[in-house]
Full PDB file with SEQRES, HELIX, SHEET, SSBOND, CRYST1, ORIGX, SCALE, CONECT and MASTER records, all heavy atoms in Angstrom:
SEQRES   1 A   43  PRO SER PRO VAL ASP PRO GLY THR GLY PHE PHE LEU ASP          
SEQRES   2 A   43  ALA ARG LEU ALA ASP ALA PRO VAL THR SER SER VAL THR          
SEQRES   3 A   43  PRO PRO PRO LEU SER GLY GLY THR LEU LEU VAL LEU GLY          
SEQRES   4 A   43  GLU THR ALA ILE                                              
HELIX    1 AA1 ALA A   14  ALA A   17  1                                   4    
SHEET    1 AA1 2 VAL A  37  LEU A  38  0                                        
SHEET    2 AA1 2 THR A  41  ALA A  42 -1                                        
CRYST1    1.000    1.000    1.000  90.00  90.00  90.00 P 1           1          
ORIGX1      1.000000  0.000000  0.000000        0.00000                         
ORIGX2      0.000000  1.000000  0.000000        0.00000                         
ORIGX3      0.000000  0.000000  1.000000        0.00000                         
SCALE1      1.000000  0.000000  0.000000        0.00000                         
SCALE2      0.000000  1.000000  0.000000        0.00000                         
SCALE3      0.000000  0.000000  1.000000        0.00000                         
ATOM      1  N   PRO A   1      -0.806  20.057  -2.181  1.00  0.00           N  
ATOM      2  CA  PRO A   1      -0.595  18.625  -2.332  1.00  0.00           C  
ATOM      3  C   PRO A   1       0.305  18.349  -3.518  1.00  0.00           C  
ATOM      4  O   PRO A   1       0.406  19.103  -4.472  1.00  0.00           O  
ATOM      5  CB  PRO A   1      -1.971  18.031  -2.571  1.00  0.00           C  
ATOM      6  CG  PRO A   1      -2.960  19.137  -2.295  1.00  0.00           C  
ATOM      7  CD  PRO A   1      -2.201  20.416  -2.247  1.00  0.00           C  
ATOM      8  N   SER A   2       0.958  17.199  -3.487  1.00  0.00           N  
ATOM      9  CA  SER A   2       1.827  16.776  -4.590  1.00  0.00           C  
ATOM     10  C   SER A   2       0.994  16.445  -5.799  1.00  0.00           C  
ATOM     11  O   SER A   2      -0.161  16.018  -5.689  1.00  0.00           O  
ATOM     12  CB  SER A   2       2.620  15.552  -4.161  1.00  0.00           C  
ATOM     13  OG  SER A   2       3.395  15.838  -3.025  1.00  0.00           O  
ATOM     14  N   PRO A   3       1.576  16.564  -7.008  1.00  0.00           N  
ATOM     15  CA  PRO A   3       0.834  16.225  -8.206  1.00  0.00           C  
ATOM     16  C   PRO A   3       0.604  14.713  -8.304  1.00  0.00           C  
ATOM     17  O   PRO A   3       1.330  13.923  -7.704  1.00  0.00           O  
ATOM     18  CB  PRO A   3       1.771  16.692  -9.333  1.00  0.00           C  
ATOM     19  CG  PRO A   3       3.123  16.741  -8.725  1.00  0.00           C  
ATOM     20  CD  PRO A   3       2.915  17.069  -7.264  1.00  0.00           C  
ATOM     21  N   VAL A   4      -0.416  14.340  -9.028  1.00  0.00           N  
ATOM     22  CA  VAL A   4      -0.741  12.932  -9.241  1.00  0.00           C  
ATOM     23  C   VAL A   4       0.046  12.414 -10.440  1.00  0.00           C  
ATOM     24  O   VAL A   4       0.060  13.057 -11.505  1.00  0.00           O  
ATOM     25  CB  VAL A   4      -2.253  12.742  -9.456  1.00  0.00           C  
ATOM     26  CG1 VAL A   4      -2.570  11.292  -9.799  1.00  0.00           C  
ATOM     27  CG2 VAL A   4      -3.021  13.190  -8.247  1.00  0.00           C  
ATOM     28  N   ASP A   5       0.702  11.276 -10.282  1.00  0.00           N  
ATOM     29  CA  ASP A   5       1.429  10.655 -11.378  1.00  0.00           C  
ATOM     30  C   ASP A   5       0.390  10.075 -12.349  1.00  0.00           C  
ATOM     31  O   ASP A   5      -0.392   9.208 -11.966  1.00  0.00           O  
ATOM     32  CB  ASP A   5       2.327   9.559 -10.834  1.00  0.00           C  
ATOM     33  CG  ASP A   5       3.136   8.840 -11.899  1.00  0.00           C  
ATOM     34  OD1 ASP A   5       2.644   8.681 -13.021  1.00  0.00           O  
ATOM     35  OD2 ASP A   5       4.260   8.412 -11.586  1.00  0.00           O  
ATOM     36  N   PRO A   6       0.366  10.542 -13.583  1.00  0.00           N  
ATOM     37  CA  PRO A   6      -0.663  10.071 -14.518  1.00  0.00           C  
ATOM     38  C   PRO A   6      -0.555   8.590 -14.849  1.00  0.00           C  
ATOM     39  O   PRO A   6      -1.531   7.948 -15.148  1.00  0.00           O  
ATOM     40  CB  PRO A   6      -0.436  10.933 -15.774  1.00  0.00           C  
ATOM     41  CG  PRO A   6       0.923  11.523 -15.643  1.00  0.00           C  
ATOM     42  CD  PRO A   6       1.261  11.532 -14.168  1.00  0.00           C  
ATOM     43  N   GLY A   7       0.630   8.023 -14.719  1.00  0.00           N  
ATOM     44  CA  GLY A   7       0.829   6.595 -15.020  1.00  0.00           C  
ATOM     45  C   GLY A   7       0.233   5.679 -13.982  1.00  0.00           C  
ATOM     46  O   GLY A   7      -0.236   4.594 -14.294  1.00  0.00           O  
ATOM     47  N   THR A   8       0.297   6.101 -12.712  1.00  0.00           N  
ATOM     48  CA  THR A   8      -0.160   5.221 -11.634  1.00  0.00           C  
ATOM     49  C   THR A   8      -1.400   5.729 -10.921  1.00  0.00           C  
ATOM     50  O   THR A   8      -2.099   4.959 -10.280  1.00  0.00           O  
ATOM     51  CB  THR A   8       0.945   5.044 -10.584  1.00  0.00           C  
ATOM     52  OG1 THR A   8       1.196   6.321  -9.983  1.00  0.00           O  
ATOM     53  CG2 THR A   8       2.219   4.491 -11.178  1.00  0.00           C  
ATOM     54  N   GLY A   9      -1.644   7.017 -10.974  1.00  0.00           N  
ATOM     55  CA  GLY A   9      -2.765   7.590 -10.237  1.00  0.00           C  
ATOM     56  C   GLY A   9      -2.408   7.906  -8.792  1.00  0.00           C  
ATOM     57  O   GLY A   9      -3.240   8.374  -8.030  1.00  0.00           O  
ATOM     58  N   PHE A  10      -1.168   7.628  -8.384  1.00  0.00           N  
ATOM     59  CA  PHE A  10      -0.738   7.890  -7.028  1.00  0.00           C  
ATOM     60  C   PHE A  10      -0.172   9.309  -6.919  1.00  0.00           C  
ATOM     61  O   PHE A  10       0.316   9.868  -7.891  1.00  0.00           O  
ATOM     62  CB  PHE A  10       0.348   6.904  -6.594  1.00  0.00           C  
ATOM     63  CG  PHE A  10      -0.147   5.503  -6.422  1.00  0.00           C  
ATOM     64  CD1 PHE A  10       0.160   4.527  -7.337  1.00  0.00           C  
ATOM     65  CD2 PHE A  10      -0.930   5.166  -5.327  1.00  0.00           C  
ATOM     66  CE1 PHE A  10      -0.292   3.234  -7.183  1.00  0.00           C  
ATOM     67  CE2 PHE A  10      -1.398   3.876  -5.155  1.00  0.00           C  
ATOM     68  CZ  PHE A  10      -1.088   2.898  -6.092  1.00  0.00           C  
ATOM     69  N   PHE A  11      -0.213   9.845  -5.726  1.00  0.00           N  
ATOM     70  CA  PHE A  11       0.408  11.139  -5.475  1.00  0.00           C  
ATOM     71  C   PHE A  11       1.907  10.959  -5.614  1.00  0.00           C  
ATOM     72  O   PHE A  11       2.452   9.955  -5.212  1.00  0.00           O  
ATOM     73  CB  PHE A  11       0.069  11.663  -4.091  1.00  0.00           C  
ATOM     74  CG  PHE A  11      -1.339  12.132  -3.958  1.00  0.00           C  
ATOM     75  CD1 PHE A  11      -2.305  11.332  -3.387  1.00  0.00           C  
ATOM     76  CD2 PHE A  11      -1.711  13.394  -4.427  1.00  0.00           C  
ATOM     77  CE1 PHE A  11      -3.610  11.756  -3.271  1.00  0.00           C  
ATOM     78  CE2 PHE A  11      -3.026  13.834  -4.310  1.00  0.00           C  
ATOM     79  CZ  PHE A  11      -3.965  13.019  -3.740  1.00  0.00           C  
ATOM     80  N   LEU A  12       2.571  11.961  -6.139  1.00  0.00           N  
ATOM     81  CA  LEU A  12       4.016  11.907  -6.340  1.00  0.00           C  
ATOM     82  C   LEU A  12       4.663  12.996  -5.509  1.00  0.00           C  
ATOM     83  O   LEU A  12       4.362  14.177  -5.661  1.00  0.00           O  
ATOM     84  CB  LEU A  12       4.340  12.112  -7.821  1.00  0.00           C  
ATOM     85  CG  LEU A  12       5.810  12.121  -8.218  1.00  0.00           C  
ATOM     86  CD1 LEU A  12       6.418  10.743  -7.953  1.00  0.00           C  
ATOM     87  CD2 LEU A  12       5.964  12.462  -9.675  1.00  0.00           C  
ATOM     88  N   ASP A  13       5.541  12.602  -4.620  1.00  0.00           N  
ATOM     89  CA  ASP A  13       6.306  13.564  -3.821  1.00  0.00           C  
ATOM     90  C   ASP A  13       7.360  14.169  -4.755  1.00  0.00           C  
ATOM     91  O   ASP A  13       8.216  13.459  -5.295  1.00  0.00           O  
ATOM     92  CB  ASP A  13       6.971  12.871  -2.633  1.00  0.00           C  
ATOM     93  CG  ASP A  13       7.653  13.831  -1.699  1.00  0.00           C  
ATOM     94  OD1 ASP A  13       8.157  14.883  -2.143  1.00  0.00           O  
ATOM     95  OD2 ASP A  13       7.697  13.522  -0.501  1.00  0.00           O  
ATOM     96  N   ALA A  14       7.293  15.468  -4.956  1.00  0.00           N  
ATOM     97  CA  ALA A  14       8.192  16.152  -5.890  1.00  0.00           C  
ATOM     98  C   ALA A  14       9.664  15.895  -5.589  1.00  0.00           C  
ATOM     99  O   ALA A  14      10.494  15.891  -6.494  1.00  0.00           O  
ATOM    100  CB  ALA A  14       7.890  17.657  -5.893  1.00  0.00           C  
ATOM    101  N   ARG A  15       9.992  15.653  -4.324  1.00  0.00           N  
ATOM    102  CA  ARG A  15      11.387  15.409  -3.966  1.00  0.00           C  
ATOM    103  C   ARG A  15      11.900  14.120  -4.596  1.00  0.00           C  
ATOM    104  O   ARG A  15      13.096  13.931  -4.764  1.00  0.00           O  
ATOM    105  CB  ARG A  15      11.555  15.347  -2.453  1.00  0.00           C  
ATOM    106  CG  ARG A  15      11.259  16.667  -1.772  1.00  0.00           C  
ATOM    107  CD  ARG A  15      11.335  16.538  -0.272  1.00  0.00           C  
ATOM    108  NE  ARG A  15      10.250  15.677   0.187  1.00  0.00           N  
ATOM    109  CZ  ARG A  15      10.018  15.359   1.449  1.00  0.00           C  
ATOM    110  NH1 ARG A  15      10.787  15.810   2.382  1.00  0.00           N  
ATOM    111  NH2 ARG A  15       8.993  14.582   1.772  1.00  0.00           N  
ATOM    112  N   LEU A  16      10.988  13.196  -4.943  1.00  0.00           N  
ATOM    113  CA  LEU A  16      11.399  11.933  -5.527  1.00  0.00           C  
ATOM    114  C   LEU A  16      11.532  12.022  -7.041  1.00  0.00           C  
ATOM    115  O   LEU A  16      12.042  11.102  -7.680  1.00  0.00           O  
ATOM    116  CB  LEU A  16      10.374  10.846  -5.166  1.00  0.00           C  
ATOM    117  CG  LEU A  16      10.188  10.610  -3.682  1.00  0.00           C  
ATOM    118  CD1 LEU A  16       9.093   9.574  -3.452  1.00  0.00           C  
ATOM    119  CD2 LEU A  16      11.470  10.160  -3.028  1.00  0.00           C  
ATOM    120  N   ALA A  17      11.069  13.077  -7.639  1.00  0.00           N  
ATOM    121  CA  ALA A  17      11.093  13.232  -9.091  1.00  0.00           C  
ATOM    122  C   ALA A  17      12.344  13.958  -9.585  1.00  0.00           C  
ATOM    123  O   ALA A  17      12.575  14.038 -10.766  1.00  0.00           O  
ATOM    124  CB  ALA A  17       9.841  13.957  -9.555  1.00  0.00           C  
ATOM    125  N   ASP A  18      13.115  14.483  -8.654  1.00  0.00           N  
ATOM    126  CA  ASP A  18      14.329  15.231  -9.029  1.00  0.00           C  
ATOM    127  C   ASP A  18      15.417  14.259  -9.524  1.00  0.00           C  
ATOM    128  O   ASP A  18      15.221  13.040  -9.542  1.00  0.00           O  
ATOM    129  CB  ASP A  18      14.841  16.033  -7.836  1.00  0.00           C  
ATOM    130  CG  ASP A  18      13.898  17.148  -7.483  1.00  0.00           C  
ATOM    131  OD1 ASP A  18      13.108  17.594  -8.363  1.00  0.00           O  
ATOM    132  OD2 ASP A  18      13.900  17.588  -6.318  1.00  0.00           O  
ATOM    133  N   ALA A  19      16.546  14.808  -9.837  1.00  0.00           N  
ATOM    134  CA  ALA A  19      17.682  14.007 -10.306  1.00  0.00           C  
ATOM    135  C   ALA A  19      18.130  13.044  -9.210  1.00  0.00           C  
ATOM    136  O   ALA A  19      17.831  13.246  -8.034  1.00  0.00           O  
ATOM    137  CB  ALA A  19      18.838  14.956 -10.664  1.00  0.00           C  
ATOM    138  N   PRO A  20      18.855  11.980  -9.573  1.00  0.00           N  
ATOM    139  CA  PRO A  20      19.350  11.021  -8.576  1.00  0.00           C  
ATOM    140  C   PRO A  20      20.153  11.730  -7.477  1.00  0.00           C  
ATOM    141  O   PRO A  20      20.816  12.726  -7.739  1.00  0.00           O  
ATOM    142  CB  PRO A  20      20.237  10.086  -9.388  1.00  0.00           C  
ATOM    143  CG  PRO A  20      19.757  10.214 -10.788  1.00  0.00           C  
ATOM    144  CD  PRO A  20      19.257  11.628 -10.911  1.00  0.00           C  
ATOM    145  N   VAL A  21      20.102  11.179  -6.290  1.00  0.00           N  
ATOM    146  CA  VAL A  21      20.815  11.733  -5.156  1.00  0.00           C  
ATOM    147  C   VAL A  21      22.148  11.021  -5.019  1.00  0.00           C  
ATOM    148  O   VAL A  21      22.221   9.798  -5.083  1.00  0.00           O  
ATOM    149  CB  VAL A  21      19.993  11.550  -3.844  1.00  0.00           C  
ATOM    150  CG1 VAL A  21      20.790  12.010  -2.650  1.00  0.00           C  
ATOM    151  CG2 VAL A  21      18.680  12.263  -3.963  1.00  0.00           C  
ATOM    152  N   THR A  22      23.206  11.774  -4.857  1.00  0.00           N  
ATOM    153  CA  THR A  22      24.528  11.225  -4.637  1.00  0.00           C  
ATOM    154  C   THR A  22      24.960  11.590  -3.235  1.00  0.00           C  
ATOM    155  O   THR A  22      24.813  12.737  -2.821  1.00  0.00           O  
ATOM    156  CB  THR A  22      25.535  11.785  -5.653  1.00  0.00           C  
ATOM    157  OG1 THR A  22      25.055  11.527  -6.975  1.00  0.00           O  
ATOM    158  CG2 THR A  22      26.906  11.184  -5.493  1.00  0.00           C  
ATOM    159  N   SER A  23      25.464  10.588  -2.509  1.00  0.00           N  
ATOM    160  CA  SER A  23      25.866  10.795  -1.125  1.00  0.00           C  
ATOM    161  C   SER A  23      27.364  10.627  -0.985  1.00  0.00           C  
ATOM    162  O   SER A  23      27.959   9.751  -1.616  1.00  0.00           O  
ATOM    163  CB  SER A  23      25.129   9.801  -0.218  1.00  0.00           C  
ATOM    164  OG  SER A  23      25.588   9.925   1.099  1.00  0.00           O  
ATOM    165  N   SER A  24      27.949  11.434  -0.114  1.00  0.00           N  
ATOM    166  CA  SER A  24      29.384  11.295   0.156  1.00  0.00           C  
ATOM    167  C   SER A  24      29.618  10.164   1.155  1.00  0.00           C  
ATOM    168  O   SER A  24      30.738   9.712   1.352  1.00  0.00           O  
ATOM    169  CB  SER A  24      29.948  12.612   0.717  1.00  0.00           C  
ATOM    170  OG  SER A  24      29.273  12.947   1.921  1.00  0.00           O  
ATOM    171  N   VAL A  25      28.541   9.698   1.796  1.00  0.00           N  
ATOM    172  CA  VAL A  25      28.614   8.601   2.759  1.00  0.00           C  
ATOM    173  C   VAL A  25      27.986   7.351   2.107  1.00  0.00           C  
ATOM    174  O   VAL A  25      26.880   7.434   1.577  1.00  0.00           O  
ATOM    175  CB  VAL A  25      27.854   8.951   4.050  1.00  0.00           C  
ATOM    176  CG1 VAL A  25      27.888   7.801   5.018  1.00  0.00           C  
ATOM    177  CG2 VAL A  25      28.427  10.219   4.668  1.00  0.00           C  
ATOM    178  N   THR A  26      28.681   6.230   2.154  1.00  0.00           N  
ATOM    179  CA  THR A  26      28.137   5.004   1.619  1.00  0.00           C  
ATOM    180  C   THR A  26      26.911   4.588   2.438  1.00  0.00           C  
ATOM    181  O   THR A  26      26.996   4.494   3.664  1.00  0.00           O  
ATOM    182  CB  THR A  26      29.194   3.880   1.666  1.00  0.00           C  
ATOM    183  OG1 THR A  26      30.334   4.307   0.954  1.00  0.00           O  
ATOM    184  CG2 THR A  26      28.643   2.598   1.076  1.00  0.00           C  
ATOM    185  N   PRO A  27      25.767   4.378   1.769  1.00  0.00           N  
ATOM    186  CA  PRO A  27      24.568   4.008   2.528  1.00  0.00           C  
ATOM    187  C   PRO A  27      24.703   2.594   3.112  1.00  0.00           C  
ATOM    188  O   PRO A  27      25.496   1.784   2.612  1.00  0.00           O  
ATOM    189  CB  PRO A  27      23.463   4.074   1.490  1.00  0.00           C  
ATOM    190  CG  PRO A  27      24.128   3.934   0.173  1.00  0.00           C  
ATOM    191  CD  PRO A  27      25.506   4.500   0.343  1.00  0.00           C  
ATOM    192  N   PRO A  28      23.932   2.303   4.155  1.00  0.00           N  
ATOM    193  CA  PRO A  28      23.971   0.984   4.770  1.00  0.00           C  
ATOM    194  C   PRO A  28      23.354  -0.071   3.838  1.00  0.00           C  
ATOM    195  O   PRO A  28      22.636   0.304   2.887  1.00  0.00           O  
ATOM    196  CB  PRO A  28      23.127   1.147   6.038  1.00  0.00           C  
ATOM    197  CG  PRO A  28      22.194   2.265   5.713  1.00  0.00           C  
ATOM    198  CD  PRO A  28      22.970   3.191   4.820  1.00  0.00           C  
ATOM    199  N   PRO A  29      23.593  -1.351   4.094  1.00  0.00           N  
ATOM    200  CA  PRO A  29      22.953  -2.387   3.278  1.00  0.00           C  
ATOM    201  C   PRO A  29      21.427  -2.284   3.401  1.00  0.00           C  
ATOM    202  O   PRO A  29      20.902  -1.782   4.399  1.00  0.00           O  
ATOM    203  CB  PRO A  29      23.434  -3.698   3.901  1.00  0.00           C  
ATOM    204  CG  PRO A  29      24.531  -3.343   4.816  1.00  0.00           C  
ATOM    205  CD  PRO A  29      24.411  -1.890   5.147  1.00  0.00           C  
ATOM    206  N   LEU A  30      20.722  -2.779   2.380  1.00  0.00           N  
ATOM    207  CA  LEU A  30      19.266  -2.772   2.424  1.00  0.00           C  
ATOM    208  C   LEU A  30      18.774  -3.609   3.591  1.00  0.00           C  
ATOM    209  O   LEU A  30      19.327  -4.651   3.907  1.00  0.00           O  
ATOM    210  CB  LEU A  30      18.680  -3.352   1.121  1.00  0.00           C  
ATOM    211  CG  LEU A  30      18.917  -2.526  -0.134  1.00  0.00           C  
ATOM    212  CD1 LEU A  30      18.353  -3.267  -1.336  1.00  0.00           C  
ATOM    213  CD2 LEU A  30      18.274  -1.165  -0.011  1.00  0.00           C  
ATOM    214  N   SER A  31      17.717  -3.132   4.237  1.00  0.00           N  
ATOM    215  CA  SER A  31      17.103  -3.877   5.332  1.00  0.00           C  
ATOM    216  C   SER A  31      15.590  -3.736   5.176  1.00  0.00           C  
ATOM    217  O   SER A  31      15.108  -2.825   4.525  1.00  0.00           O  
ATOM    218  CB  SER A  31      17.570  -3.377   6.693  1.00  0.00           C  
ATOM    219  OG  SER A  31      17.215  -2.017   6.847  1.00  0.00           O  
ATOM    220  N   GLY A  32      14.867  -4.644   5.784  1.00  0.00           N  
ATOM    221  CA  GLY A  32      13.413  -4.626   5.631  1.00  0.00           C  
ATOM    222  C   GLY A  32      12.717  -4.115   6.882  1.00  0.00           C  
ATOM    223  O   GLY A  32      13.351  -3.798   7.889  1.00  0.00           O  
ATOM    224  N   GLY A  33      11.404  -4.033   6.795  1.00  0.00           N  
ATOM    225  CA  GLY A  33      10.601  -3.659   7.944  1.00  0.00           C  
ATOM    226  C   GLY A  33      10.599  -2.176   8.248  1.00  0.00           C  
ATOM    227  O   GLY A  33      10.503  -1.786   9.401  1.00  0.00           O  
ATOM    228  N   THR A  34      10.715  -1.334   7.238  1.00  0.00           N  
ATOM    229  CA  THR A  34      10.808   0.089   7.494  1.00  0.00           C  
ATOM    230  C   THR A  34       9.515   0.849   7.201  1.00  0.00           C  
ATOM    231  O   THR A  34       9.524   2.048   7.006  1.00  0.00           O  
ATOM    232  CB  THR A  34      11.954   0.702   6.672  1.00  0.00           C  
ATOM    233  OG1 THR A  34      11.709   0.463   5.285  1.00  0.00           O  
ATOM    234  CG2 THR A  34      13.289   0.139   7.075  1.00  0.00           C  
ATOM    235  N   LEU A  35       8.383   0.142   7.192  1.00  0.00           N  
ATOM    236  CA  LEU A  35       7.106   0.794   6.930  1.00  0.00           C  
ATOM    237  C   LEU A  35       6.070   0.306   7.939  1.00  0.00           C  
ATOM    238  O   LEU A  35       5.943  -0.885   8.177  1.00  0.00           O  
ATOM    239  CB  LEU A  35       6.617   0.472   5.499  1.00  0.00           C  
ATOM    240  CG  LEU A  35       5.249   1.011   5.122  1.00  0.00           C  
ATOM    241  CD1 LEU A  35       5.275   2.538   5.042  1.00  0.00           C  
ATOM    242  CD2 LEU A  35       4.805   0.421   3.781  1.00  0.00           C  
ATOM    243  N   LEU A  36       5.363   1.266   8.544  1.00  0.00           N  
ATOM    244  CA  LEU A  36       4.297   0.963   9.481  1.00  0.00           C  
ATOM    245  C   LEU A  36       3.088   1.785   9.063  1.00  0.00           C  
ATOM    246  O   LEU A  36       3.169   3.005   8.938  1.00  0.00           O  
ATOM    247  CB  LEU A  36       4.710   1.337  10.916  1.00  0.00           C  
ATOM    248  CG  LEU A  36       3.681   1.154  12.018  1.00  0.00           C  
ATOM    249  CD1 LEU A  36       3.380  -0.335  12.207  1.00  0.00           C  
ATOM    250  CD2 LEU A  36       4.195   1.749  13.312  1.00  0.00           C  
ATOM    251  N   VAL A  37       1.961   1.110   8.806  1.00  0.00           N  
ATOM    252  CA  VAL A  37       0.732   1.799   8.417  1.00  0.00           C  
ATOM    253  C   VAL A  37      -0.234   1.783   9.570  1.00  0.00           C  
ATOM    254  O   VAL A  37      -0.545   0.714  10.122  1.00  0.00           O  
ATOM    255  CB  VAL A  37       0.098   1.171   7.141  1.00  0.00           C  
ATOM    256  CG1 VAL A  37      -1.208   1.845   6.787  1.00  0.00           C  
ATOM    257  CG2 VAL A  37       1.071   1.248   5.968  1.00  0.00           C  
ATOM    258  N   LEU A  38      -0.682   2.987   9.957  1.00  0.00           N  
ATOM    259  CA  LEU A  38      -1.634   3.162  11.058  1.00  0.00           C  
ATOM    260  C   LEU A  38      -2.875   3.843  10.498  1.00  0.00           C  
ATOM    261  O   LEU A  38      -2.918   5.076  10.441  1.00  0.00           O  
ATOM    262  CB  LEU A  38      -1.007   4.014  12.164  1.00  0.00           C  
ATOM    263  CG  LEU A  38       0.307   3.533  12.732  1.00  0.00           C  
ATOM    264  CD1 LEU A  38       0.923   4.581  13.653  1.00  0.00           C  
ATOM    265  CD2 LEU A  38       0.107   2.216  13.490  1.00  0.00           C  
ATOM    266  N   GLY A  39      -3.815   3.080  10.007  1.00  0.00           N  
ATOM    267  CA  GLY A  39      -5.008   3.666   9.428  1.00  0.00           C  
ATOM    268  C   GLY A  39      -4.679   4.479   8.183  1.00  0.00           C  
ATOM    269  O   GLY A  39      -4.229   3.934   7.181  1.00  0.00           O  
ATOM    270  N   GLU A  40      -4.861   5.780   8.258  1.00  0.00           N  
ATOM    271  CA  GLU A  40      -4.629   6.661   7.119  1.00  0.00           C  
ATOM    272  C   GLU A  40      -3.260   7.324   7.178  1.00  0.00           C  
ATOM    273  O   GLU A  40      -2.979   8.279   6.440  1.00  0.00           O  
ATOM    274  CB  GLU A  40      -5.728   7.711   7.054  1.00  0.00           C  
ATOM    275  CG  GLU A  40      -7.106   7.110   6.825  1.00  0.00           C  
ATOM    276  CD  GLU A  40      -8.228   8.129   6.848  1.00  0.00           C  
ATOM    277  OE1 GLU A  40      -8.008   9.268   7.316  1.00  0.00           O  
ATOM    278  OE2 GLU A  40      -9.323   7.783   6.397  1.00  0.00           O  
ATOM    279  N   THR A  41      -2.396   6.824   8.065  1.00  0.00           N  
ATOM    280  CA  THR A  41      -1.050   7.382   8.236  1.00  0.00           C  
ATOM    281  C   THR A  41      -0.025   6.294   8.006  1.00  0.00           C  
ATOM    282  O   THR A  41      -0.180   5.171   8.473  1.00  0.00           O  
ATOM    283  CB  THR A  41      -0.887   7.960   9.653  1.00  0.00           C  
ATOM    284  OG1 THR A  41      -1.881   8.957   9.867  1.00  0.00           O  
ATOM    285  CG2 THR A  41       0.487   8.556   9.872  1.00  0.00           C  
ATOM    286  N   ALA A  42       1.043   6.648   7.311  1.00  0.00           N  
ATOM    287  CA  ALA A  42       2.172   5.720   7.151  1.00  0.00           C  
ATOM    288  C   ALA A  42       3.406   6.332   7.791  1.00  0.00           C  
ATOM    289  O   ALA A  42       3.657   7.535   7.671  1.00  0.00           O  
ATOM    290  CB  ALA A  42       2.449   5.457   5.671  1.00  0.00           C  
ATOM    291  N   ILE A  43       4.159   5.514   8.501  1.00  0.00           N  
ATOM    292  CA  ILE A  43       5.438   5.922   9.070  1.00  0.00           C  
ATOM    293  C   ILE A  43       6.486   5.183   8.237  1.00  0.00           C  
ATOM    294  O   ILE A  43       6.453   3.959   8.139  1.00  0.00           O  
ATOM    295  CB  ILE A  43       5.565   5.536  10.551  1.00  0.00           C  
ATOM    296  CG1 ILE A  43       4.329   5.866  11.363  1.00  0.00           C  
ATOM    297  CG2 ILE A  43       6.844   6.127  11.143  1.00  0.00           C  
ATOM    298  CD1 ILE A  43       4.043   7.316  11.519  1.00  0.00           C  
TER     299      ILE A  43                                                      
MASTER        0    0    0    1    2    0    0    6  298    1    0    4          
END                                                                             
């Protein structure tokens, strides 16, 4: 399992703690509605 962030108490995905990500492709504009929670699972 991922380590727990001591500041928040939440699990921390190690991939999010690395250096900033730089992309050669310009990302799309921000949009909403990208999270669906199904009981104990999040998409």
